[in-house]
């Protein structure tokens, strides 16, 4: 059986289900979830999820393939490090720029208004995800 990535698993599923109506049927046998997605146009997509190890096939591609969520869970550390190495440094946010301006241009910090104090204390924090 061929091991595939999450994107390949999603693409195989989308090939059968995307843009058409389907009927989903699932059964639970112990810890194993068996699902079928039946369409009139594209046939059936089958998957067996055994603790995050998903074996799947379809009428169009009867060869069984495996996507293992457990392998994916171990990968984020390496993926994150690689992404950080290739991601350019982000531009400073408005709060950061305003904070820097207040710090460099203020002569008497006792004369700051409440907004300026707020920016100095918390303006650098970004709500970005």
N, C-alpha and C. Protein backbone atom coordinates (compact mmCIF):
# COMPACT_ATOMS: atom_id res chain seq x y z
N UNK A 1 0.83 -1.18 0.00
CA UNK A 1 0.00 0.00 0.00
C UNK A 1 0.88 1.25 0.00
N UNK A 2 0.44 2.22 -0.74
CA UNK A 2 1.17 3.47 -0.87
C UNK A 2 0.80 4.43 0.26
N UNK A 3 1.79 5.03 0.92
CA UNK A 3 1.56 6.06 1.93
C UNK A 3 1.51 7.41 1.23
N UNK A 4 0.53 8.24 1.60
CA UNK A 4 0.34 9.53 0.94
C UNK A 4 0.27 10.65 1.97
N UNK A 5 0.37 11.87 1.48
CA UNK A 5 0.25 13.05 2.34
C UNK A 5 -1.22 13.39 2.56
N UNK A 6 -1.45 14.31 3.49
CA UNK A 6 -2.81 14.77 3.76
C UNK A 6 -3.41 15.40 2.50
N UNK A 7 -2.61 16.16 1.77
CA UNK A 7 -3.10 16.82 0.56
C UNK A 7 -3.52 15.79 -0.49
N UNK A 8 -2.77 14.70 -0.61
CA UNK A 8 -3.13 13.65 -1.57
C UNK A 8 -4.40 12.94 -1.14
N UNK A 9 -4.56 12.72 0.16
CA UNK A 9 -5.78 12.11 0.68
C UNK A 9 -6.98 13.00 0.38
N UNK A 10 -6.85 14.29 0.67
CA UNK A 10 -7.94 15.23 0.41
C UNK A 10 -8.26 15.31 -1.08
N UNK A 11 -7.24 15.30 -1.93
CA UNK A 11 -7.46 15.37 -3.37
C UNK A 11 -8.21 14.14 -3.88
N UNK A 12 -7.85 12.97 -3.37
CA UNK A 12 -8.53 11.73 -3.78
C UNK A 12 -9.99 11.76 -3.36
N UNK A 13 -10.24 12.26 -2.18
CA UNK A 13 -11.62 12.35 -1.68
C UNK A 13 -12.41 13.39 -2.49
N UNK A 14 -11.78 14.52 -2.77
CA UNK A 14 -12.44 15.59 -3.53
C UNK A 14 -12.75 15.15 -4.96
N UNK A 15 -11.91 14.30 -5.52
CA UNK A 15 -12.14 13.82 -6.89
C UNK A 15 -13.49 13.13 -7.00
N UNK A 16 -13.92 12.47 -5.95
CA UNK A 16 -15.20 11.76 -5.96
C UNK A 16 -16.34 12.67 -5.47
N UNK A 17 -16.09 13.47 -4.44
CA UNK A 17 -17.17 14.18 -3.76
C UNK A 17 -17.39 15.63 -4.18
N UNK A 18 -16.38 16.27 -4.71
CA UNK A 18 -16.47 17.70 -4.98
C UNK A 18 -17.54 18.04 -6.00
N UNK A 19 -18.46 18.88 -5.61
CA UNK A 19 -19.47 19.40 -6.52
C UNK A 19 -20.64 18.49 -6.80
N UNK A 20 -20.74 17.37 -6.09
CA UNK A 20 -21.86 16.45 -6.32
C UNK A 20 -22.49 16.08 -4.97
N UNK A 21 -23.72 15.63 -5.04
CA UNK A 21 -24.37 15.15 -3.83
C UNK A 21 -23.88 13.75 -3.54
N UNK A 22 -23.77 13.44 -2.24
CA UNK A 22 -23.33 12.11 -1.87
C UNK A 22 -24.06 11.67 -0.61
N UNK A 23 -24.08 10.37 -0.40
CA UNK A 23 -24.67 9.80 0.81
C UNK A 23 -23.53 9.22 1.63
N UNK A 24 -23.44 9.66 2.89
CA UNK A 24 -22.39 9.17 3.78
C UNK A 24 -22.96 8.09 4.69
N UNK A 25 -22.22 6.99 4.81
CA UNK A 25 -22.60 5.92 5.71
C UNK A 25 -21.38 5.59 6.54
N UNK A 26 -21.55 5.47 7.85
CA UNK A 26 -20.41 5.12 8.68
C UNK A 26 -20.81 4.12 9.75
N UNK A 27 -19.84 3.27 10.10
CA UNK A 27 -20.04 2.30 11.16
C UNK A 27 -18.83 2.33 12.06
N UNK A 28 -19.06 2.01 13.32
CA UNK A 28 -17.99 1.97 14.30
C UNK A 28 -17.85 0.54 14.79
N UNK A 29 -16.65 -0.01 14.63
CA UNK A 29 -16.35 -1.37 15.08
C UNK A 29 -15.16 -1.29 16.02
N UNK A 30 -15.42 -1.22 17.32
CA UNK A 30 -14.34 -1.01 18.28
C UNK A 30 -13.81 0.40 18.12
N UNK A 31 -12.54 0.54 17.79
CA UNK A 31 -11.93 1.85 17.54
C UNK A 31 -11.83 2.18 16.06
N UNK A 32 -12.38 1.33 15.22
CA UNK A 32 -12.26 1.49 13.77
C UNK A 32 -13.55 2.09 13.21
N UNK A 33 -13.38 3.20 12.46
CA UNK A 33 -14.52 3.85 11.81
C UNK A 33 -14.45 3.54 10.33
N UNK A 34 -15.51 2.95 9.82
CA UNK A 34 -15.59 2.64 8.38
C UNK A 34 -16.61 3.57 7.76
N UNK A 35 -16.19 4.28 6.70
CA UNK A 35 -17.08 5.23 6.04
C UNK A 35 -17.13 4.95 4.54
N UNK A 36 -18.30 5.19 3.99
CA UNK A 36 -18.46 5.19 2.54
C UNK A 36 -19.20 6.47 2.16
N UNK A 37 -18.77 7.04 1.05
CA UNK A 37 -19.41 8.22 0.49
C UNK A 37 -19.85 7.83 -0.93
N UNK A 38 -21.15 7.66 -1.13
CA UNK A 38 -21.66 7.19 -2.42
C UNK A 38 -22.24 8.35 -3.23
N UNK A 39 -21.80 8.44 -4.49
CA UNK A 39 -22.34 9.43 -5.42
C UNK A 39 -22.92 8.72 -6.62
N UNK A 40 -23.84 9.36 -7.30
CA UNK A 40 -24.38 8.80 -8.54
C UNK A 40 -23.41 9.04 -9.69
N UNK A 41 -22.75 10.20 -9.66
CA UNK A 41 -21.90 10.60 -10.78
C UNK A 41 -20.50 9.96 -10.76
N UNK A 42 -19.88 9.90 -9.59
CA UNK A 42 -18.46 9.53 -9.52
C UNK A 42 -18.16 8.22 -8.79
N UNK A 43 -19.19 7.50 -8.41
CA UNK A 43 -18.95 6.24 -7.72
C UNK A 43 -18.83 6.43 -6.21
N UNK A 44 -18.06 5.56 -5.58
CA UNK A 44 -17.99 5.52 -4.12
C UNK A 44 -16.55 5.74 -3.64
N UNK A 45 -16.42 6.47 -2.53
CA UNK A 45 -15.14 6.66 -1.86
C UNK A 45 -15.24 5.92 -0.54
N UNK A 46 -14.25 5.08 -0.24
CA UNK A 46 -14.24 4.26 0.97
C UNK A 46 -13.06 4.68 1.84
N UNK A 47 -13.29 4.71 3.17
CA UNK A 47 -12.18 4.94 4.08
C UNK A 47 -12.38 4.17 5.37
N UNK A 48 -11.25 3.69 5.90
CA UNK A 48 -11.24 2.96 7.17
C UNK A 48 -10.25 3.69 8.07
N UNK A 49 -10.76 4.27 9.16
CA UNK A 49 -9.93 5.04 10.08
C UNK A 49 -9.69 4.21 11.32
N UNK A 50 -8.46 3.78 11.49
CA UNK A 50 -8.07 2.97 12.63
C UNK A 50 -7.10 3.76 13.50
N UNK A 51 -7.65 4.57 14.41
CA UNK A 51 -6.82 5.35 15.32
C UNK A 51 -5.97 6.40 14.63
N UNK A 52 -6.48 6.99 13.56
CA UNK A 52 -5.73 8.02 12.84
C UNK A 52 -5.01 7.51 11.61
N UNK A 53 -4.96 6.21 11.43
CA UNK A 53 -4.37 5.62 10.22
C UNK A 53 -5.53 5.36 9.26
N UNK A 54 -5.60 6.17 8.20
CA UNK A 54 -6.73 6.11 7.28
C UNK A 54 -6.33 5.38 6.00
N UNK A 55 -6.98 4.25 5.79
CA UNK A 55 -6.80 3.52 4.53
C UNK A 55 -7.98 3.90 3.65
N UNK A 56 -7.72 4.24 2.39
CA UNK A 56 -8.81 4.68 1.53
C UNK A 56 -8.61 4.21 0.10
N UNK A 57 -9.72 4.13 -0.63
CA UNK A 57 -9.75 3.78 -2.04
C UNK A 57 -11.08 4.23 -2.61
N UNK A 58 -11.25 4.15 -3.91
CA UNK A 58 -12.50 4.56 -4.54
C UNK A 58 -12.77 3.68 -5.75
N UNK A 59 -13.96 3.84 -6.30
CA UNK A 59 -14.29 3.09 -7.52
C UNK A 59 -13.36 3.50 -8.66
N UNK A 60 -12.97 4.77 -8.72
CA UNK A 60 -12.07 5.25 -9.77
C UNK A 60 -10.64 4.77 -9.56
N UNK A 61 -10.22 4.66 -8.30
CA UNK A 61 -8.85 4.24 -7.97
C UNK A 61 -8.92 3.13 -6.92
N UNK A 62 -9.08 1.90 -7.37
CA UNK A 62 -9.30 0.80 -6.43
C UNK A 62 -8.06 0.40 -5.61
N UNK A 63 -6.87 0.90 -5.97
CA UNK A 63 -5.69 0.57 -5.19
C UNK A 63 -5.76 1.27 -3.83
N UNK A 64 -5.50 0.53 -2.78
CA UNK A 64 -5.60 1.04 -1.42
C UNK A 64 -4.40 1.94 -1.12
N UNK A 65 -4.69 3.09 -0.47
CA UNK A 65 -3.65 4.03 -0.06
C UNK A 65 -3.82 4.33 1.42
N UNK A 66 -2.75 4.81 2.05
CA UNK A 66 -2.80 5.09 3.49
C UNK A 66 -2.32 6.50 3.76
N UNK A 67 -3.12 7.19 4.57
CA UNK A 67 -2.69 8.48 5.13
C UNK A 67 -2.70 8.29 6.64
N UNK A 68 -1.59 8.57 7.30
CA UNK A 68 -1.49 8.36 8.74
C UNK A 68 -1.41 9.69 9.47
N UNK A 69 -2.48 10.05 10.18
CA UNK A 69 -2.52 11.30 10.94
C UNK A 69 -1.46 11.31 12.04
N UNK A 70 -1.12 10.15 12.54
CA UNK A 70 -0.11 10.07 13.61
C UNK A 70 1.27 10.49 13.09
N UNK A 71 1.57 10.19 11.85
CA UNK A 71 2.83 10.64 11.25
C UNK A 71 2.80 12.15 11.05
N UNK A 72 1.63 12.67 10.68
CA UNK A 72 1.48 14.11 10.47
C UNK A 72 1.65 14.87 11.79
N UNK A 73 1.16 14.30 12.89
CA UNK A 73 1.25 14.95 14.19
C UNK A 73 2.70 15.12 14.62
N UNK A 74 3.56 14.21 14.21
CA UNK A 74 4.98 14.29 14.56
C UNK A 74 5.72 15.28 13.67
N UNK A 75 5.16 15.59 12.52
CA UNK A 75 5.84 16.44 11.54
C UNK A 75 5.80 17.94 11.82
N UNK A 76 4.82 18.50 12.54
CA UNK A 76 4.75 19.96 12.66
C UNK A 76 6.01 20.61 13.19
N UNK A 77 6.74 19.97 14.08
CA UNK A 77 7.95 20.58 14.60
C UNK A 77 8.94 20.83 13.47
N UNK A 78 9.15 19.85 12.64
CA UNK A 78 10.07 20.00 11.51
C UNK A 78 9.51 20.98 10.49
N UNK A 79 8.20 20.91 10.22
CA UNK A 79 7.58 21.83 9.26
C UNK A 79 7.67 23.27 9.74
N UNK A 80 7.43 23.48 11.02
CA UNK A 80 7.48 24.83 11.58
C UNK A 80 8.88 25.40 11.48
N UNK A 81 9.88 24.61 11.81
CA UNK A 81 11.26 25.08 11.73
C UNK A 81 11.62 25.43 10.29
N UNK A 82 11.20 24.59 9.34
CA UNK A 82 11.48 24.86 7.93
C UNK A 82 10.75 26.11 7.46
N UNK A 83 9.51 26.28 7.89
CA UNK A 83 8.73 27.46 7.49
C UNK A 83 9.35 28.73 8.06
N UNK A 84 9.80 28.67 9.31
CA UNK A 84 10.41 29.85 9.91
C UNK A 84 11.72 30.21 9.22
N UNK A 85 12.43 29.21 8.75
CA UNK A 85 13.70 29.46 8.07
C UNK A 85 13.48 30.13 6.72
N UNK A 86 12.34 29.84 6.07
CA UNK A 86 12.09 30.39 4.74
C UNK A 86 11.16 31.60 4.76
N UNK A 87 10.53 31.89 5.90
CA UNK A 87 9.60 33.02 6.00
C UNK A 87 10.38 34.30 6.23
N UNK A 88 10.14 35.32 5.40
CA UNK A 88 10.83 36.59 5.64
C UNK A 88 10.35 37.22 6.93
N UNK A 89 11.17 38.07 7.50
CA UNK A 89 10.81 38.74 8.75
C UNK A 89 9.57 39.59 8.52
N UNK A 90 8.63 39.52 9.45
CA UNK A 90 7.37 40.26 9.27
C UNK A 90 7.58 41.75 9.53
N UNK A 91 6.78 42.55 8.89
CA UNK A 91 6.83 44.00 9.08
C UNK A 91 6.23 44.34 10.44
N UNK A 92 6.71 45.38 11.08
CA UNK A 92 6.14 45.75 12.38
C UNK A 92 4.71 46.24 12.23
N UNK A 93 3.90 45.96 13.25
CA UNK A 93 2.52 46.41 13.25
C UNK A 93 2.41 47.87 13.63
N UNK A 94 1.20 48.43 13.47
CA UNK A 94 0.98 49.83 13.79
C UNK A 94 1.29 50.13 15.25
N UNK A 95 0.87 49.25 16.15
CA UNK A 95 1.14 49.44 17.57
C UNK A 95 2.62 49.49 17.88
N UNK A 96 3.38 48.65 17.19
CA UNK A 96 4.83 48.63 17.39
C UNK A 96 5.46 49.93 16.89
N UNK A 97 5.01 50.39 15.74
CA UNK A 97 5.55 51.64 15.19
C UNK A 97 5.21 52.83 16.08
N UNK A 98 3.95 52.87 16.56
CA UNK A 98 3.53 53.96 17.43
C UNK A 98 4.28 53.92 18.75
N UNK A 99 4.48 52.73 19.27
CA UNK A 99 5.22 52.57 20.51
C UNK A 99 6.65 53.10 20.37
N UNK A 100 7.29 52.75 19.27
CA UNK A 100 8.67 53.21 19.04
C UNK A 100 8.71 54.73 18.90
N UNK A 101 7.72 55.30 18.24
CA UNK A 101 7.66 56.75 18.07
C UNK A 101 7.51 57.44 19.43
N UNK A 102 6.63 56.92 20.28
CA UNK A 102 6.43 57.51 21.60
C UNK A 102 7.72 57.41 22.42
N UNK A 103 8.38 56.27 22.35
CA UNK A 103 9.61 56.09 23.13
C UNK A 103 10.72 57.04 22.68
N UNK A 104 10.84 57.26 21.39
CA UNK A 104 11.95 58.08 20.88
C UNK A 104 11.67 59.58 20.96
N UNK A 105 10.40 59.99 20.84
CA UNK A 105 10.09 61.41 20.79
C UNK A 105 9.62 62.02 22.11
N UNK A 106 9.32 61.18 23.10
CA UNK A 106 8.81 61.72 24.37
C UNK A 106 9.97 62.16 25.25
N UNK A 107 9.83 63.40 25.76
CA UNK A 107 10.86 63.94 26.65
C UNK A 107 10.46 63.77 28.12
N UNK A 108 9.15 63.89 28.40
CA UNK A 108 8.68 63.77 29.77
C UNK A 108 7.62 62.64 29.82
N UNK A 109 8.03 61.48 30.28
CA UNK A 109 7.13 60.33 30.31
C UNK A 109 6.01 60.50 31.34
N UNK A 110 6.16 61.39 32.30
CA UNK A 110 5.10 61.66 33.27
C UNK A 110 3.94 62.41 32.63
N UNK A 111 4.17 63.05 31.50
CA UNK A 111 3.14 63.83 30.83
C UNK A 111 2.34 63.02 29.80
N UNK A 112 2.57 61.74 29.69
CA UNK A 112 1.86 60.91 28.71
C UNK A 112 0.38 60.80 29.05
N UNK A 113 -0.48 60.81 28.02
CA UNK A 113 -1.91 60.59 28.26
C UNK A 113 -2.17 59.08 28.39
N UNK A 114 -3.41 58.70 28.72
CA UNK A 114 -3.75 57.29 28.95
C UNK A 114 -3.53 56.42 27.70
N UNK A 115 -3.86 56.96 26.55
CA UNK A 115 -3.68 56.21 25.31
C UNK A 115 -2.21 55.91 25.07
N UNK A 116 -1.36 56.90 25.24
CA UNK A 116 0.08 56.70 25.03
C UNK A 116 0.65 55.70 26.04
N UNK A 117 0.16 55.75 27.28
CA UNK A 117 0.59 54.77 28.28
C UNK A 117 0.16 53.36 27.86
N UNK A 118 -1.06 53.26 27.37
CA UNK A 118 -1.57 51.97 26.91
C UNK A 118 -0.69 51.41 25.78
N UNK A 119 -0.37 52.26 24.82
CA UNK A 119 0.47 51.83 23.69
C UNK A 119 1.84 51.39 24.19
N UNK A 120 2.42 52.12 25.11
CA UNK A 120 3.73 51.72 25.64
C UNK A 120 3.65 50.39 26.38
N UNK A 121 2.56 50.14 27.07
CA UNK A 121 2.43 48.91 27.84
C UNK A 121 2.00 47.72 26.99
N UNK A 122 1.11 47.95 26.02
CA UNK A 122 0.53 46.82 25.28
C UNK A 122 0.49 46.99 23.78
N UNK A 123 0.90 48.10 23.26
CA UNK A 123 0.77 48.38 21.83
C UNK A 123 1.57 47.47 20.93
N UNK A 124 2.59 46.87 21.47
CA UNK A 124 3.43 46.00 20.67
C UNK A 124 2.79 44.65 20.43
N UNK A 125 1.79 44.30 21.23
CA UNK A 125 1.18 42.97 21.11
C UNK A 125 0.30 42.92 19.89
N UNK A 126 0.51 41.94 19.09
CA UNK A 126 -0.24 41.78 17.84
C UNK A 126 -1.30 40.72 18.02
N UNK A 127 -2.42 40.88 17.35
CA UNK A 127 -3.49 39.90 17.39
C UNK A 127 -3.40 38.92 16.22
N UNK A 128 -2.31 38.94 15.53
CA UNK A 128 -2.13 38.06 14.36
C UNK A 128 -2.02 36.61 14.81
N UNK A 129 -2.47 35.74 13.93
CA UNK A 129 -2.40 34.30 14.21
C UNK A 129 -1.22 33.71 13.51
